[in-house]
Amino acid sequence: MRKFLFSQKFAPLGVAALSAIAATSIATAPVQAATVSNGDTAGWGNGTDDFYAGVGNDNFSVDLNNGAFLLFPSGTGIFEDFDFPEILPPAQFPITMNFTKIGGTGAVTDPFKYTLDNNVIFNLGISGDAVAPITYTQIAGSQFDFIKDAVITEGELDLNSNQNGFYTIDGVNYQANETFQLSDLATIGPGGEYDVEAEISSVPEPGTILGLLAVGGLGLGMKRKKQQ
């Protein structure tokens, strides 16, 4: 842990003291150590188990078996500096998505409608600009439309709203606009595939972050004075 020495026993809250407080706060509890911007985007996906036969049932599940980055990061913040691994950390797989049907007939004009029953969390790994692993969460309650094509035995499940997920970066949540698609072509080999692309759309106000830093730093400064 980085330590800071005060030049006098009771340091006045001048520029030097405030700088020390801010630095101490960042070192011990990084509220926003990483640079995050609107428009930062990442995309990932890979294989699933066979799930075509389950579509149309009141309930069915899809197992995501692995993950890899399919889209180079874009933007001017956290993802620009993220040295993405080719493969997402494998220990998190399989990731199971559980669905419950809430309507629809499966026709092109009336697709099956499903709601996601559980939070689905991806560990994307650690960037050089973040302290902890970056995660992405697709929240329970997200709704998907599924058209099941009986002629070519293909099913495609698409998220029907793009405000149902968020990134967590160094303890701060960032709302995302995303696409999330699953497909299973039953006539070509085992398994299906999935594809996620998520763009950060909401960044906390700088004043909020600075306020948290100031409060945390002031507490540390008062504790040090009390000990002396």
C-alpha atoms as a PDB file:
ATOM      1  CA  MET A   1       0.000   0.000   0.000  1.00  0.00           C
ATOM      2  CA  ARG A   2       1.297   3.434  -0.870  1.00  0.00           C
ATOM      3  CA  LYS A   3       1.947   5.663   2.173  1.00  0.00           C
ATOM      4  CA  PHE A   4       1.953   9.449   2.357  1.00  0.00           C
ATOM      5  CA  LEU A   5       3.852  11.488   4.938  1.00  0.00           C
ATOM      6  CA  PHE A   6       2.425  14.752   6.206  1.00  0.00           C
ATOM      7  CA  SER A   7       4.914  17.611   6.609  1.00  0.00           C
ATOM      8  CA  GLN A   8       3.447  18.719   9.919  1.00  0.00           C
ATOM      9  CA  LYS A   9       1.354  17.241  12.666  1.00  0.00           C
ATOM     10  CA  PHE A  10      -1.818  19.126  11.812  1.00  0.00           C
ATOM     11  CA  ALA A  11      -1.639  19.793   8.084  1.00  0.00           C
ATOM     12  CA  PRO A  12      -3.830  22.698   6.964  1.00  0.00           C
ATOM     13  CA  LEU A  13      -6.385  21.790   4.335  1.00  0.00           C
ATOM     14  CA  GLY A  14      -4.511  23.590   1.611  1.00  0.00           C
ATOM     15  CA  VAL A  15      -3.617  22.428  -1.865  1.00  0.00           C
ATOM     16  CA  ALA A  16      -0.908  20.027  -0.646  1.00  0.00           C
ATOM     17  CA  ALA A  17      -3.162  18.403   1.947  1.00  0.00           C
ATOM     18  CA  LEU A  18      -6.020  17.993  -0.505  1.00  0.00           C
ATOM     19  CA  SER A  19      -3.656  16.391  -3.020  1.00  0.00           C
ATOM     20  CA  ALA A  20      -2.470  13.927  -0.391  1.00  0.00           C
ATOM     21  CA  ILE A  21      -6.065  13.126   0.584  1.00  0.00           C
ATOM     22  CA  ALA A  22      -7.112  12.465  -3.011  1.00  0.00           C
ATOM     23  CA  ALA A  23      -4.057  10.309  -3.698  1.00  0.00           C
ATOM     24  CA  THR A  24      -4.553   8.281  -0.516  1.00  0.00           C
ATOM     25  CA  SER A  25      -8.222   7.729  -1.355  1.00  0.00           C
ATOM     26  CA  ILE A  26      -7.430   6.488  -4.846  1.00  0.00           C
ATOM     27  CA  ALA A  27      -4.710   4.149  -3.592  1.00  0.00           C
ATOM     28  CA  THR A  28      -6.855   2.530  -0.894  1.00  0.00           C
ATOM     29  CA  ALA A  29     -10.331   2.492  -2.450  1.00  0.00           C
ATOM     30  CA  PRO A  30     -10.325   3.321  -6.176  1.00  0.00           C
ATOM     31  CA  VAL A  31     -13.785   4.669  -6.908  1.00  0.00           C
ATOM     32  CA  GLN A  32     -12.890   5.415 -10.512  1.00  0.00           C
ATOM     33  CA  ALA A  33      -9.259   4.561 -11.198  1.00  0.00           C
ATOM     34  CA  ALA A  34     -10.119   3.680 -14.780  1.00  0.00           C
ATOM     35  CA  THR A  35     -11.034   6.166 -17.490  1.00  0.00           C
ATOM     36  CA  VAL A  36     -14.513   5.367 -18.811  1.00  0.00           C
ATOM     37  CA  SER A  37     -16.327   7.176 -21.615  1.00  0.00           C
ATOM     38  CA  ASN A  38     -19.679   7.051 -23.369  1.00  0.00           C
ATOM     39  CA  GLY A  39     -19.332   5.052 -26.554  1.00  0.00           C
ATOM     40  CA  ASP A  40     -16.771   2.564 -25.222  1.00  0.00           C
ATOM     41  CA  THR A  41     -17.745  -0.740 -26.819  1.00  0.00           C
ATOM     42  CA  ALA A  42     -16.761  -4.403 -26.595  1.00  0.00           C
ATOM     43  CA  GLY A  43     -18.142  -7.482 -28.314  1.00  0.00           C
ATOM     44  CA  TRP A  44     -17.797 -11.161 -27.475  1.00  0.00           C
ATOM     45  CA  GLY A  45     -19.446 -14.515 -28.089  1.00  0.00           C
ATOM     46  CA  ASN A  46     -18.881 -18.133 -29.090  1.00  0.00           C
ATOM     47  CA  GLY A  47     -20.593 -21.518 -28.759  1.00  0.00           C
ATOM     48  CA  THR A  48     -23.662 -22.830 -26.934  1.00  0.00           C
ATOM     49  CA  ASP A  49     -25.257 -26.221 -26.461  1.00  0.00           C
ATOM     50  CA  ASP A  50     -28.125 -27.405 -28.694  1.00  0.00           C
ATOM     51  CA  PHE A  51     -31.265 -25.542 -27.727  1.00  0.00           C
ATOM     52  CA  TYR A  52     -33.411 -25.461 -30.886  1.00  0.00           C
ATOM     53  CA  ALA A  53     -35.635 -28.312 -29.692  1.00  0.00           C
ATOM     54  CA  GLY A  54     -36.453 -26.458 -26.485  1.00  0.00           C
ATOM     55  CA  VAL A  55     -37.735 -23.324 -28.177  1.00  0.00           C
ATOM     56  CA  GLY A  56     -41.508 -23.072 -27.951  1.00  0.00           C
ATOM     57  CA  ASN A  57     -41.620 -24.751 -24.545  1.00  0.00           C
ATOM     58  CA  ASP A  58     -42.852 -22.762 -21.569  1.00  0.00           C
ATOM     59  CA  ASN A  59     -39.335 -22.973 -20.115  1.00  0.00           C
ATOM     60  CA  PHE A  60     -35.962 -23.799 -21.614  1.00  0.00           C
ATOM     61  CA  SER A  61     -32.286 -23.135 -20.926  1.00  0.00           C
ATOM     62  CA  VAL A  62     -29.207 -22.336 -22.969  1.00  0.00           C
ATOM     63  CA  ASP A  63     -25.665 -23.106 -21.807  1.00  0.00           C
ATOM     64  CA  LEU A  64     -22.926 -20.763 -23.060  1.00  0.00           C
ATOM     65  CA  ASN A  65     -19.919 -23.043 -23.285  1.00  0.00           C
ATOM     66  CA  ASN A  66     -17.059 -20.634 -23.966  1.00  0.00           C
ATOM     67  CA  GLY A  67     -16.329 -17.061 -24.928  1.00  0.00           C
ATOM     68  CA  ALA A  68     -13.933 -15.039 -27.049  1.00  0.00           C
ATOM     69  CA  PHE A  69     -13.699 -11.414 -28.122  1.00  0.00           C
ATOM     70  CA  LEU A  70     -15.175 -10.962 -31.584  1.00  0.00           C
ATOM     71  CA  LEU A  71     -15.051  -7.175 -31.768  1.00  0.00           C
ATOM     72  CA  PHE A  72     -12.009  -5.030 -31.123  1.00  0.00           C
ATOM     73  CA  PRO A  73     -12.649  -2.518 -28.330  1.00  0.00           C
ATOM     74  CA  SER A  74     -13.554   0.981 -29.426  1.00  0.00           C
ATOM     75  CA  GLY A  75     -13.957   4.365 -27.763  1.00  0.00           C
ATOM     76  CA  THR A  76     -11.564   6.660 -25.973  1.00  0.00           C
ATOM     77  CA  GLY A  77     -11.607   5.217 -22.465  1.00  0.00           C
ATOM     78  CA  ILE A  78     -11.373   1.899 -20.666  1.00  0.00           C
ATOM     79  CA  PHE A  79     -11.667  -0.384 -23.688  1.00  0.00           C
ATOM     80  CA  GLU A  80      -9.087   1.498 -25.712  1.00  0.00           C
ATOM     81  CA  ASP A  81      -6.471   0.615 -23.086  1.00  0.00           C
ATOM     82  CA  PHE A  82      -7.805  -2.875 -22.422  1.00  0.00           C
ATOM     83  CA  ASP A  83      -5.355  -5.526 -23.596  1.00  0.00           C
ATOM     84  CA  PHE A  84      -8.122  -8.010 -24.354  1.00  0.00           C
ATOM     85  CA  PRO A  85      -7.238 -11.682 -24.075  1.00  0.00           C
ATOM     86  CA  GLU A  86      -8.283 -13.690 -27.100  1.00  0.00           C
ATOM     87  CA  ILE A  87     -10.344 -15.977 -24.868  1.00  0.00           C
ATOM     88  CA  LEU A  88     -12.566 -14.902 -21.962  1.00  0.00           C
ATOM     89  CA  PRO A  89     -11.466 -16.420 -18.620  1.00  0.00           C
ATOM     90  CA  PRO A  90     -12.611 -20.044 -19.102  1.00  0.00           C
ATOM     91  CA  ALA A  91     -13.366 -20.927 -15.459  1.00  0.00           C
ATOM     92  CA  GLN A  92     -16.696 -19.040 -15.623  1.00  0.00           C
ATOM     93  CA  PHE A  93     -18.178 -21.395 -18.241  1.00  0.00           C
ATOM     94  CA  PRO A  94     -20.646 -22.893 -18.764  1.00  0.00           C
ATOM     95  CA  ILE A  95     -22.939 -19.931 -18.110  1.00  0.00           C
ATOM     96  CA  THR A  96     -26.609 -20.918 -18.052  1.00  0.00           C
ATOM     97  CA  MET A  97     -29.433 -18.694 -19.312  1.00  0.00           C
ATOM     98  CA  ASN A  98     -32.915 -19.734 -18.145  1.00  0.00           C
ATOM     99  CA  PHE A  99     -35.945 -18.522 -20.101  1.00  0.00           C
ATOM    100  CA  THR A 100     -39.704 -18.439 -19.450  1.00  0.00           C
ATOM    101  CA  LYS A 101     -42.204 -17.917 -22.270  1.00  0.00           C
ATOM    102  CA  ILE A 102     -44.505 -14.943 -21.810  1.00  0.00           C
ATOM    103  CA  GLY A 103     -46.302 -14.951 -25.190  1.00  0.00           C
ATOM    104  CA  GLY A 104     -46.168 -15.354 -28.946  1.00  0.00           C
ATOM    105  CA  THR A 105     -46.874 -18.207 -31.374  1.00  0.00           C
ATOM    106  CA  GLY A 106     -43.483 -18.467 -33.079  1.00  0.00           C
ATOM    107  CA  ALA A 107     -44.716 -17.001 -36.362  1.00  0.00           C
ATOM    108  CA  VAL A 108     -42.668 -14.337 -38.134  1.00  0.00           C
ATOM    109  CA  THR A 109     -45.315 -11.772 -37.278  1.00  0.00           C
ATOM    110  CA  ASP A 110     -45.751 -13.084 -33.735  1.00  0.00           C
ATOM    111  CA  PRO A 111     -42.434 -14.465 -32.393  1.00  0.00           C
ATOM    112  CA  PHE A 112     -42.186 -16.371 -29.148  1.00  0.00           C
ATOM    113  CA  LYS A 113     -41.486 -13.923 -26.332  1.00  0.00           C
ATOM    114  CA  TYR A 114     -39.270 -15.007 -23.477  1.00  0.00           C
ATOM    115  CA  THR A 115     -38.006 -13.349 -20.324  1.00  0.00           C
ATOM    116  CA  LEU A 116     -34.577 -14.098 -18.863  1.00  0.00           C
ATOM    117  CA  ASP A 117     -35.019 -15.600 -15.384  1.00  0.00           C
ATOM    118  CA  ASN A 118     -31.494 -15.081 -14.014  1.00  0.00           C
ATOM    119  CA  ASN A 119     -28.725 -12.507 -14.101  1.00  0.00           C
ATOM    120  CA  VAL A 120     -26.043 -13.551 -16.592  1.00  0.00           C
ATOM    121  CA  ILE A 121     -22.582 -12.253 -15.662  1.00  0.00           C
ATOM    122  CA  PHE A 122     -19.516 -12.315 -17.911  1.00  0.00           C
ATOM    123  CA  ASN A 123     -16.013 -11.871 -16.519  1.00  0.00           C
ATOM    124  CA  LEU A 124     -14.134 -10.021 -19.268  1.00  0.00           C
ATOM    125  CA  GLY A 125     -10.753 -10.006 -17.507  1.00  0.00           C
ATOM    126  CA  ILE A 126      -8.549  -7.172 -16.222  1.00  0.00           C
ATOM    127  CA  SER A 127      -7.449  -4.200 -18.300  1.00  0.00           C
ATOM    128  CA  GLY A 128      -4.272  -2.231 -17.729  1.00  0.00           C
ATOM    129  CA  ASP A 129      -6.439   0.728 -16.685  1.00  0.00           C
ATOM    130  CA  ALA A 130      -8.624  -1.063 -14.130  1.00  0.00           C
ATOM    131  CA  VAL A 131      -7.937  -2.508 -10.684  1.00  0.00           C
ATOM    132  CA  ALA A 132     -10.446  -5.401 -10.679  1.00  0.00           C
ATOM    133  CA  PRO A 133     -11.834  -7.661 -13.414  1.00  0.00           C
ATOM    134  CA  ILE A 134     -14.398  -5.914 -15.604  1.00  0.00           C
ATOM    135  CA  THR A 135     -17.746  -7.690 -15.677  1.00  0.00           C
ATOM    136  CA  TYR A 136     -20.831  -7.355 -17.828  1.00  0.00           C
ATOM    137  CA  THR A 137     -24.287  -8.271 -16.481  1.00  0.00           C
ATOM    138  CA  GLN A 138     -27.376  -9.057 -18.539  1.00  0.00           C
ATOM    139  CA  ILE A 139     -30.125  -8.573 -16.000  1.00  0.00           C
ATOM    140  CA  ALA A 140     -32.966 -10.917 -15.130  1.00  0.00           C
ATOM    141  CA  GLY A 141     -36.183  -9.706 -16.737  1.00  0.00           C
ATOM    142  CA  SER A 142     -34.543  -8.909 -20.080  1.00  0.00           C
ATOM    143  CA  GLN A 143     -36.962  -9.889 -22.858  1.00  0.00           C
ATOM    144  CA  PHE A 144     -36.053 -11.820 -26.014  1.00  0.00           C
ATOM    145  CA  ASP A 145     -37.971 -12.586 -29.223  1.00  0.00           C
ATOM    146  CA  PHE A 146     -37.479 -15.986 -30.838  1.00  0.00           C
ATOM    147  CA  ILE A 147     -38.531 -16.980 -34.345  1.00  0.00           C
ATOM    148  CA  LYS A 148     -38.356 -20.740 -34.944  1.00  0.00           C
ATOM    149  CA  ASP A 149     -38.048 -21.594 -38.632  1.00  0.00           C
ATOM    150  CA  ALA A 150     -39.345 -25.127 -39.179  1.00  0.00           C
ATOM    151  CA  VAL A 151     -38.198 -25.296 -42.813  1.00  0.00           C
ATOM    152  CA  ILE A 152     -34.483 -24.741 -42.231  1.00  0.00           C
ATOM    153  CA  THR A 153     -34.671 -25.789 -38.568  1.00  0.00           C
ATOM    154  CA  GLU A 154     -33.089 -22.615 -37.275  1.00  0.00           C
ATOM    155  CA  GLY A 155     -33.968 -20.528 -34.266  1.00  0.00           C
ATOM    156  CA  GLU A 156     -32.760 -17.020 -33.494  1.00  0.00           C
ATOM    157  CA  LEU A 157     -33.249 -15.389 -30.121  1.00  0.00           C
ATOM    158  CA  ASP A 158     -32.800 -11.606 -30.042  1.00  0.00           C
ATOM    159  CA  LEU A 159     -32.888  -9.175 -27.151  1.00  0.00           C
ATOM    160  CA  ASN A 160     -35.835  -6.864 -27.849  1.00  0.00           C
ATOM    161  CA  SER A 161     -34.653  -3.948 -25.718  1.00  0.00           C
ATOM    162  CA  ASN A 162     -31.161  -2.474 -25.665  1.00  0.00           C
ATOM    163  CA  GLN A 163     -31.143  -1.121 -22.090  1.00  0.00           C
ATOM    164  CA  ASN A 164     -30.952  -4.278 -20.016  1.00  0.00           C
ATOM    165  CA  GLY A 165     -27.268  -4.646 -19.227  1.00  0.00           C
ATOM    166  CA  PHE A 166     -24.383  -2.894 -17.504  1.00  0.00           C
ATOM    167  CA  TYR A 167     -20.627  -3.057 -17.056  1.00  0.00           C
ATOM    168  CA  THR A 168     -19.054  -3.001 -13.603  1.00  0.00           C
ATOM    169  CA  ILE A 169     -15.655  -1.289 -13.639  1.00  0.00           C
ATOM    170  CA  ASP A 170     -13.752  -0.798 -10.372  1.00  0.00           C
ATOM    171  CA  GLY A 171     -16.970  -1.031  -8.378  1.00  0.00           C
ATOM    172  CA  VAL A 172     -18.959   1.445 -10.505  1.00  0.00           C
ATOM    173  CA  ASN A 173     -21.870   0.346 -12.750  1.00  0.00           C
ATOM    174  CA  TYR A 174     -22.197   1.789 -16.260  1.00  0.00           C
ATOM    175  CA  GLN A 175     -25.449   1.369 -18.205  1.00  0.00           C
ATOM    176  CA  ALA A 176     -25.006  -0.129 -21.669  1.00  0.00           C
ATOM    177  CA  ASN A 177     -26.826  -0.240 -24.985  1.00  0.00           C
ATOM    178  CA  GLU A 178     -26.430  -3.779 -26.218  1.00  0.00           C
ATOM    179  CA  THR A 179     -27.383  -6.442 -28.712  1.00  0.00           C
ATOM    180  CA  PHE A 180     -27.568 -10.046 -27.515  1.00  0.00           C
ATOM    181  CA  GLN A 181     -28.333 -12.777 -30.020  1.00  0.00           C
ATOM    182  CA  LEU A 182     -28.426 -16.573 -29.775  1.00  0.00           C
ATOM    183  CA  SER A 183     -28.952 -18.913 -32.715  1.00  0.00           C
ATOM    184  CA  ASP A 184     -29.076 -22.660 -33.238  1.00  0.00           C
ATOM    185  CA  LEU A 185     -29.008 -24.196 -36.714  1.00  0.00           C
ATOM    186  CA  ALA A 186     -30.046 -27.749 -35.961  1.00  0.00           C
ATOM    187  CA  THR A 187     -29.000 -29.190 -39.338  1.00  0.00           C
ATOM    188  CA  ILE A 188     -25.317 -28.145 -39.137  1.00  0.00           C
ATOM    189  CA  GLY A 189     -23.312 -29.816 -36.410  1.00  0.00           C
ATOM    190  CA  PRO A 190     -23.912 -29.809 -32.657  1.00  0.00           C
ATOM    191  CA  GLY A 191     -24.525 -26.669 -30.648  1.00  0.00           C
ATOM    192  CA  GLY A 192     -25.351 -23.096 -31.473  1.00  0.00           C
ATOM    193  CA  GLU A 193     -23.718 -19.714 -31.029  1.00  0.00           C
ATOM    194  CA  TYR A 194     -24.177 -16.426 -29.229  1.00  0.00           C
ATOM    195  CA  ASP A 195     -23.008 -12.868 -29.850  1.00  0.00           C
ATOM    196  CA  VAL A 196     -23.003  -9.880 -27.467  1.00  0.00           C
ATOM    197  CA  GLU A 197     -22.082  -6.277 -28.269  1.00  0.00           C
ATOM    198  CA  ALA A 198     -22.412  -3.648 -25.549  1.00  0.00           C
ATOM    199  CA  GLU A 199     -21.703   0.093 -25.663  1.00  0.00           C
ATOM    200  CA  ILE A 200     -21.445   2.215 -22.530  1.00  0.00           C
ATOM    201  CA  SER A 201     -24.254   4.776 -22.570  1.00  0.00           C
ATOM    202  CA  SER A 202     -24.176   6.269 -19.064  1.00  0.00           C
ATOM    203  CA  VAL A 203     -21.201   7.545 -17.050  1.00  0.00           C
ATOM    204  CA  PRO A 204     -21.614   8.889 -13.473  1.00  0.00           C
ATOM    205  CA  GLU A 205     -21.257  12.648 -13.130  1.00  0.00           C
ATOM    206  CA  PRO A 206     -17.673  13.721 -12.288  1.00  0.00           C
ATOM    207  CA  GLY A 207     -18.982  15.664  -9.294  1.00  0.00           C
ATOM    208  CA  THR A 208     -20.344  12.452  -7.799  1.00  0.00           C
ATOM    209  CA  ILE A 209     -16.998  10.689  -8.114  1.00  0.00           C
ATOM    210  CA  LEU A 210     -15.075  13.682  -6.725  1.00  0.00           C
ATOM    211  CA  GLY A 211     -17.492  13.914  -3.820  1.00  0.00           C
ATOM    212  CA  LEU A 212     -16.881  10.280  -2.912  1.00  0.00           C
ATOM    213  CA  LEU A 213     -13.126  10.820  -3.119  1.00  0.00           C
ATOM    214  CA  ALA A 214     -13.279  13.905  -0.911  1.00  0.00           C
ATOM    215  CA  VAL A 215     -15.389  12.231   1.763  1.00  0.00           C
ATOM    216  CA  GLY A 216     -13.172   9.146   1.819  1.00  0.00           C
ATOM    217  CA  GLY A 217     -10.009  11.242   1.909  1.00  0.00           C
ATOM    218  CA  LEU A 218     -11.273  13.520   4.662  1.00  0.00           C
ATOM    219  CA  GLY A 219     -12.063  10.488   6.794  1.00  0.00           C
ATOM    220  CA  LEU A 220      -8.529   9.187   6.363  1.00  0.00           C
ATOM    221  CA  GLY A 221      -7.055  12.596   7.232  1.00  0.00           C
ATOM    222  CA  MET A 222      -9.131  12.906  10.402  1.00  0.00           C
ATOM    223  CA  LYS A 223      -8.138   9.392  11.488  1.00  0.00           C
ATOM    224  CA  ARG A 224      -4.452  10.198  11.093  1.00  0.00           C
ATOM    225  CA  LYS A 225      -4.801  13.402  13.143  1.00  0.00           C
ATOM    226  CA  LYS A 226      -6.607  11.518  15.899  1.00  0.00           C
ATOM    227  CA  GLN A 227      -3.854   8.882  16.079  1.00  0.00           C
ATOM    228  CA  GLN A 228      -1.190  11.551  16.447  1.00  0.00           C
END
